[in-house]
Amino acid sequence: WNATTMWNTCTGTHNGLTITRQMQFLNGAGTPQQRPDSTTTSMKARTTVTGTTVFTNATTNGPTITTIVNRNSDETVTGLAKSSTQRVVNGTASGTENSTGTDARGAIAVDRTFADTTTNMTFASPPIPTAPYPLSGTITRNIASSYRVNDAPAKSYTAREVHTFEAGGKLTVVTTMNGKTRTCVFQLGPTKSAPTCTQG
């Protein structure tokens, strides 16, 4: 706990990556708290992941990949008061991953960028064990990547996913990849069903 910044911070390393997590609790007046108590109504969380990690495949001619990672996220959760009937999540996440290495084809390079937004993701409070899915809200994911083998021209891909949750356990996922759109509807509960998908 840092009394100046008003954040709880935890930092660790794993496989060459430095992971820093920060958390802050707030009361109804918006005053930061070191830990939650009976006056807590919301919380904020921040996470950063940076560093270089190496993956080596033990199989013959398997890939050896070095990836430079730079990712961050920022999230707010409201509705933490004891009397609240809903908890709402809003947040953003973005970052890059740049990979280079070799496999049976030669030198490969993959670059990825992403940007995610969570908007008014709403859950029942207290949670309903038989219906743990969101009541409403959206998650939007934007991904761009390029892939190159040896000196060949890079191939680029773009994708956008919009996940929309509705009351009653309905989830609609609209995926657009390189200009082509696919819509799938899922029933998460109370009775699950196979998704129905349409193109365009």
Protein backbone atom coordinates (compact mmCIF):
# COMPACT_ATOMS: atom_id res chain seq x y z
CA TRP A 1 0.00 0.00 0.00
CA ASN A 2 1.39 3.38 -1.05
CA ALA A 3 -0.11 6.20 1.01
CA THR A 4 0.89 8.75 -1.64
CA THR A 5 -0.53 7.08 -4.75
CA MET A 6 -3.31 5.32 -2.80
CA TRP A 7 -2.77 2.00 -4.63
CA ASN A 8 -2.00 -1.52 -3.49
CA THR A 9 0.71 -2.92 -5.79
CA CYS A 10 2.01 -6.44 -6.33
CA THR A 11 4.81 -7.21 -8.81
CA GLY A 12 6.14 -10.60 -9.89
CA THR A 13 7.98 -12.29 -12.74
CA HIS A 14 7.14 -15.41 -14.72
CA ASN A 15 8.89 -16.82 -17.80
CA GLY A 16 10.70 -13.54 -18.46
CA LEU A 17 7.61 -11.37 -18.02
CA THR A 18 7.15 -8.75 -15.32
CA ILE A 19 3.56 -8.61 -14.11
CA THR A 20 2.43 -5.63 -12.05
CA ARG A 21 -1.04 -5.66 -10.50
CA GLN A 22 -2.55 -2.64 -8.77
CA MET A 23 -5.80 -2.43 -6.84
CA GLN A 24 -7.69 0.35 -5.15
CA PHE A 25 -10.93 0.25 -3.16
CA LEU A 26 -13.19 3.30 -2.84
CA ASN A 27 -16.04 4.32 -0.57
CA GLY A 28 -19.22 6.10 -1.61
CA ALA A 29 -17.48 9.49 -1.56
CA GLY A 30 -14.79 8.21 -3.95
CA THR A 31 -12.09 8.15 -1.27
CA PRO A 32 -9.42 5.44 -1.85
CA GLN A 33 -9.11 2.72 0.81
CA GLN A 34 -6.27 0.34 1.57
CA ARG A 35 -8.68 -2.57 1.98
CA PRO A 36 -12.42 -3.09 1.55
CA ASP A 37 -14.80 -2.55 4.46
CA SER A 38 -18.50 -1.93 5.05
CA THR A 39 -18.29 1.47 3.30
CA THR A 40 -16.69 0.18 0.08
CA THR A 41 -18.79 0.75 -3.05
CA SER A 42 -16.33 0.24 -5.91
CA MET A 43 -12.82 -0.85 -6.86
CA LYS A 44 -10.26 -0.17 -9.57
CA ALA A 45 -7.66 -2.55 -10.95
CA ARG A 46 -4.69 -2.03 -13.25
CA THR A 47 -2.40 -4.66 -14.73
CA THR A 48 0.73 -4.37 -16.88
CA VAL A 49 2.71 -7.19 -18.45
CA THR A 50 6.09 -6.43 -20.03
CA GLY A 51 9.19 -8.37 -20.96
CA THR A 52 10.54 -11.05 -23.26
CA THR A 53 9.61 -14.71 -23.13
CA VAL A 54 11.08 -17.64 -25.07
CA PHE A 55 9.23 -20.77 -26.16
CA THR A 56 11.20 -23.78 -27.39
CA ASN A 57 9.45 -26.84 -28.79
CA ALA A 58 11.21 -30.06 -27.87
CA THR A 59 10.08 -31.86 -31.04
CA THR A 60 12.28 -32.14 -34.12
CA ASN A 61 12.02 -29.01 -36.27
CA GLY A 62 9.64 -27.53 -33.72
CA PRO A 63 9.54 -23.73 -33.45
CA THR A 64 11.72 -21.63 -31.20
CA ILE A 65 9.94 -18.32 -30.62
CA THR A 66 11.00 -15.15 -28.79
CA THR A 67 8.14 -12.79 -27.97
CA ILE A 68 8.35 -9.22 -26.69
CA VAL A 69 5.20 -8.44 -24.70
CA ASN A 70 3.76 -5.06 -23.74
CA ARG A 71 0.20 -5.24 -22.41
CA ASN A 72 -1.92 -3.23 -19.98
CA SER A 73 -5.47 -3.14 -18.67
CA ASP A 74 -7.60 -0.78 -16.58
CA GLU A 75 -10.84 -1.89 -14.94
CA THR A 76 -13.50 -0.46 -12.64
CA VAL A 77 -16.13 -2.44 -10.73
CA THR A 78 -19.08 -0.63 -9.14
CA GLY A 79 -21.96 -1.94 -7.06
CA LEU A 80 -19.86 -3.41 -4.21
CA ALA A 81 -22.02 -1.96 -1.43
CA LYS A 82 -23.78 -4.57 0.67
CA SER A 83 -27.18 -3.30 -0.50
CA SER A 84 -26.28 -3.39 -4.21
CA THR A 85 -28.23 -5.80 -6.39
CA GLN A 86 -25.92 -5.50 -9.41
CA ARG A 87 -22.21 -5.23 -10.03
CA VAL A 88 -21.05 -3.42 -13.17
CA VAL A 89 -17.67 -3.78 -14.87
CA ASN A 90 -16.13 -1.26 -17.27
CA GLY A 91 -12.61 -1.34 -18.60
CA THR A 92 -10.07 -1.28 -21.39
CA ALA A 93 -7.08 -3.39 -22.35
CA SER A 94 -4.48 -2.93 -25.08
CA GLY A 95 -1.05 -4.07 -26.05
CA THR A 96 1.39 -5.53 -28.51
CA GLU A 97 3.17 -8.85 -28.97
CA ASN A 98 6.10 -9.11 -31.38
CA SER A 99 7.44 -12.59 -32.07
CA THR A 100 10.45 -13.80 -34.03
CA GLY A 101 11.91 -17.27 -34.39
CA THR A 102 12.49 -20.27 -36.59
CA ASP A 103 10.71 -23.45 -37.57
CA ALA A 104 10.98 -26.01 -40.36
CA ARG A 105 10.22 -23.31 -42.97
CA GLY A 106 12.92 -20.88 -41.81
CA ALA A 107 12.71 -17.50 -40.11
CA ILE A 108 9.26 -16.32 -39.03
CA ALA A 109 7.97 -13.04 -37.63
CA VAL A 110 4.54 -12.33 -36.16
CA ASP A 111 3.36 -8.94 -34.91
CA ARG A 112 0.06 -8.50 -33.05
CA THR A 113 -1.78 -5.52 -31.60
CA PHE A 114 -5.06 -5.59 -29.73
CA ALA A 115 -7.51 -3.24 -28.05
CA ASP A 116 -10.42 -4.45 -25.90
CA THR A 117 -13.26 -2.51 -24.30
CA THR A 118 -15.73 -3.80 -21.70
CA THR A 119 -18.85 -1.65 -21.38
CA ASN A 120 -21.42 -1.94 -18.57
CA MET A 121 -20.91 -5.66 -18.02
CA THR A 122 -23.59 -6.28 -15.40
CA PHE A 123 -23.83 -9.22 -12.98
CA ALA A 124 -26.39 -10.05 -10.32
CA SER A 125 -25.32 -9.34 -6.73
CA PRO A 126 -25.12 -11.59 -4.87
CA PRO A 127 -24.17 -14.00 -7.69
CA ILE A 128 -26.74 -16.56 -8.80
CA PRO A 129 -24.97 -19.96 -8.91
CA THR A 130 -27.35 -21.31 -11.55
CA ALA A 131 -27.00 -18.19 -13.72
CA PRO A 132 -23.40 -16.91 -13.48
CA TYR A 133 -23.47 -15.20 -16.89
CA PRO A 134 -23.81 -11.40 -17.34
CA LEU A 135 -27.25 -9.81 -17.40
CA SER A 136 -26.19 -7.21 -19.96
CA GLY A 137 -23.16 -5.44 -21.38
CA THR A 138 -20.71 -5.70 -24.25
CA ILE A 139 -17.12 -6.74 -24.88
CA THR A 140 -15.45 -5.39 -28.02
CA ARG A 141 -12.15 -6.83 -29.25
CA ASN A 142 -10.03 -5.40 -32.07
CA ILE A 143 -7.04 -7.40 -33.27
CA ALA A 144 -4.52 -6.73 -36.04
CA SER A 145 -1.68 -9.07 -36.94
CA SER A 146 0.93 -9.66 -39.61
CA TYR A 147 2.82 -12.85 -40.42
CA ARG A 148 6.01 -13.21 -42.43
CA VAL A 149 8.14 -16.24 -43.39
CA ASN A 150 11.75 -15.58 -44.44
CA ASP A 151 11.81 -12.70 -46.95
CA ALA A 152 8.31 -13.23 -48.32
CA PRO A 153 5.87 -10.30 -48.12
CA ALA A 154 4.01 -10.11 -44.83
CA LYS A 155 0.38 -11.23 -44.72
CA SER A 156 -1.92 -9.03 -42.64
CA TYR A 157 -5.12 -9.92 -40.79
CA THR A 158 -7.67 -7.82 -38.93
CA ALA A 159 -10.47 -9.02 -36.71
CA ARG A 160 -13.18 -7.39 -34.63
CA GLU A 161 -15.46 -9.20 -32.20
CA VAL A 162 -18.45 -7.71 -30.42
CA HIS A 163 -19.96 -9.82 -27.63
CA THR A 164 -23.37 -8.57 -26.50
CA PHE A 165 -25.04 -10.07 -23.42
CA GLU A 166 -28.77 -9.84 -22.80
CA ALA A 167 -31.12 -10.79 -19.98
CA GLY A 168 -32.08 -14.44 -19.96
CA GLY A 169 -28.62 -15.73 -20.86
CA LYS A 170 -28.53 -14.68 -24.53
CA LEU A 171 -25.13 -13.90 -26.04
CA THR A 172 -24.64 -12.56 -29.57
CA VAL A 173 -21.14 -12.59 -31.06
CA VAL A 174 -20.48 -10.64 -34.25
CA THR A 175 -17.07 -11.40 -35.77
CA THR A 176 -15.63 -9.45 -38.68
CA MET A 177 -12.38 -10.81 -40.13
CA ASN A 178 -10.75 -9.16 -43.13
CA GLY A 179 -14.11 -7.64 -44.09
CA LYS A 180 -16.21 -10.81 -43.74
CA THR A 181 -18.83 -10.92 -40.96
CA ARG A 182 -20.26 -13.86 -39.05
CA THR A 183 -22.96 -13.63 -36.36
CA CYS A 184 -23.50 -16.36 -33.78
CA VAL A 185 -26.20 -16.45 -31.09
CA PHE A 186 -25.63 -18.52 -27.94
CA GLN A 187 -28.07 -19.40 -25.18
CA LEU A 188 -25.98 -19.55 -21.99
CA GLY A 189 -28.90 -20.46 -19.76
CA PRO A 190 -31.05 -21.30 -18.02
CA THR A 191 -31.28 -23.97 -20.75
CA LYS A 192 -28.19 -24.12 -22.95
CA SER A 193 -28.49 -24.68 -26.68
CA ALA A 194 -26.17 -25.04 -29.66
CA PRO A 195 -25.24 -21.71 -31.29
CA THR A 196 -26.92 -20.56 -34.47
CA CYS A 197 -24.63 -18.77 -36.91
CA THR A 198 -25.17 -16.74 -40.08
CA GLN A 199 -22.78 -15.14 -42.55
CA GLY A 200 -22.97 -11.52 -43.57
